[in-house]
Protein backbone atom coordinates (compact mmCIF):
# COMPACT_ATOMS: atom_id res chain seq x y z
CA UNK A 1 270.72 164.78 107.11
CA UNK A 2 274.40 164.69 106.23
CA UNK A 3 276.13 161.61 104.90
CA UNK A 4 279.88 161.35 105.06
CA UNK A 5 282.21 158.92 103.22
CA UNK A 6 285.51 158.24 104.98
CA UNK A 7 288.11 155.96 103.36
CA UNK A 8 285.45 154.36 101.21
CA UNK A 9 283.05 153.66 104.05
CA UNK A 10 279.97 155.52 105.27
CA UNK A 11 279.93 157.15 108.63
CA UNK A 12 276.81 157.30 110.73
CA UNK A 13 274.42 159.97 109.33
CA UNK A 14 274.55 163.42 110.94
CA UNK A 15 271.48 165.40 111.78
CA UNK A 16 272.13 169.17 111.96
CA UNK A 17 270.29 170.75 114.82
CA UNK A 18 271.07 174.48 114.46
CA UNK A 19 271.41 176.80 111.51
CA UNK A 20 269.39 178.62 108.85
CA UNK A 21 266.10 177.31 107.63
CA UNK A 22 266.21 175.68 104.23
CA UNK A 23 265.13 178.30 101.61
CA UNK A 24 266.28 181.25 103.79
CA UNK A 25 267.76 183.96 101.56
CA UNK A 26 270.88 184.04 103.67
CA UNK A 27 271.66 180.39 103.28
CA UNK A 28 272.80 180.76 99.68
CA UNK A 29 275.22 183.57 100.52
CA UNK A 30 276.47 181.71 103.56
CA UNK A 31 277.10 178.54 101.48
CA UNK A 32 279.04 180.55 98.83
CA UNK A 33 281.18 182.24 101.46
CA UNK A 34 281.94 179.01 103.21
CA UNK A 35 282.88 177.22 99.99
CA UNK A 36 285.08 180.07 98.79
CA UNK A 37 286.95 179.97 102.08
CA UNK A 38 287.26 176.19 101.97
CA UNK A 39 288.66 176.39 98.36
CA UNK A 40 291.23 179.00 99.46
CA UNK A 41 292.29 176.91 102.34
CA UNK A 42 292.75 173.84 100.20
CA UNK A 43 294.90 175.88 97.82
CA UNK A 44 296.98 177.12 100.82
CA UNK A 45 297.47 173.57 101.98
CA UNK A 46 298.51 172.48 98.53
CA UNK A 47 301.20 175.23 98.47
CA UNK A 48 302.38 174.28 101.94
CA UNK A 49 302.59 170.58 100.97
CA UNK A 50 300.18 169.51 103.60
CA UNK A 51 297.60 168.45 101.00
CA UNK A 52 298.78 166.57 97.93
CA UNK A 53 296.30 166.77 94.99
CA UNK A 54 295.85 163.90 92.63
CA UNK A 55 297.17 163.82 89.07
CA UNK A 56 294.83 162.08 86.63
CA UNK A 57 297.13 162.30 83.60
CA UNK A 58 300.68 163.23 82.86
CA UNK A 59 300.96 166.93 82.22
CA UNK A 60 297.30 167.44 83.37
CA UNK A 61 296.33 169.84 86.12
CA UNK A 62 296.35 168.47 89.73
CA UNK A 63 292.86 167.97 91.21
CA UNK A 64 292.27 168.85 94.86
CA UNK A 65 288.63 169.55 94.95
CA UNK A 66 285.30 170.08 93.07
CA UNK A 67 282.56 172.20 94.49
CA UNK A 68 279.09 171.76 93.14
CA UNK A 69 275.62 173.07 94.20
CA UNK A 70 275.02 170.26 96.70
CA UNK A 71 278.22 168.23 96.62
CA UNK A 72 281.83 168.62 97.61
CA UNK A 73 284.45 166.23 96.22
CA UNK A 74 287.86 166.30 97.90
CA UNK A 75 290.88 164.51 96.22
CA UNK A 76 294.19 163.87 97.92
CA UNK A 77 296.89 161.19 98.34
CA UNK A 78 296.86 159.15 101.54
CA UNK A 79 299.87 159.85 103.64
CA UNK A 80 299.87 156.47 105.40
C-alpha cells in the first residue's frame, strides 16, 4: 500500500496491482535505477528554474530531495 501526502493532507491509499514481487532480486536494482533517474530529473528542473529547492540557512546548500531506503522526501517552494 502506498500513502501520499499532498499539501499537508493524506490522499487515499494506493494499492499497486502489477510489478515485481517483494524480495525479488530485481526489485532492488529497479528501485536504485528509478531513484537515480528521479534525482537527475530533479537536478535538471532545479537548473531550469522549474523546481525551486528550499534554503534552510543562509549560505547553506539548497535542499530539493532526500532519498532513503523506503522513503522519498521532496522539498520545494510553492508557486501559488
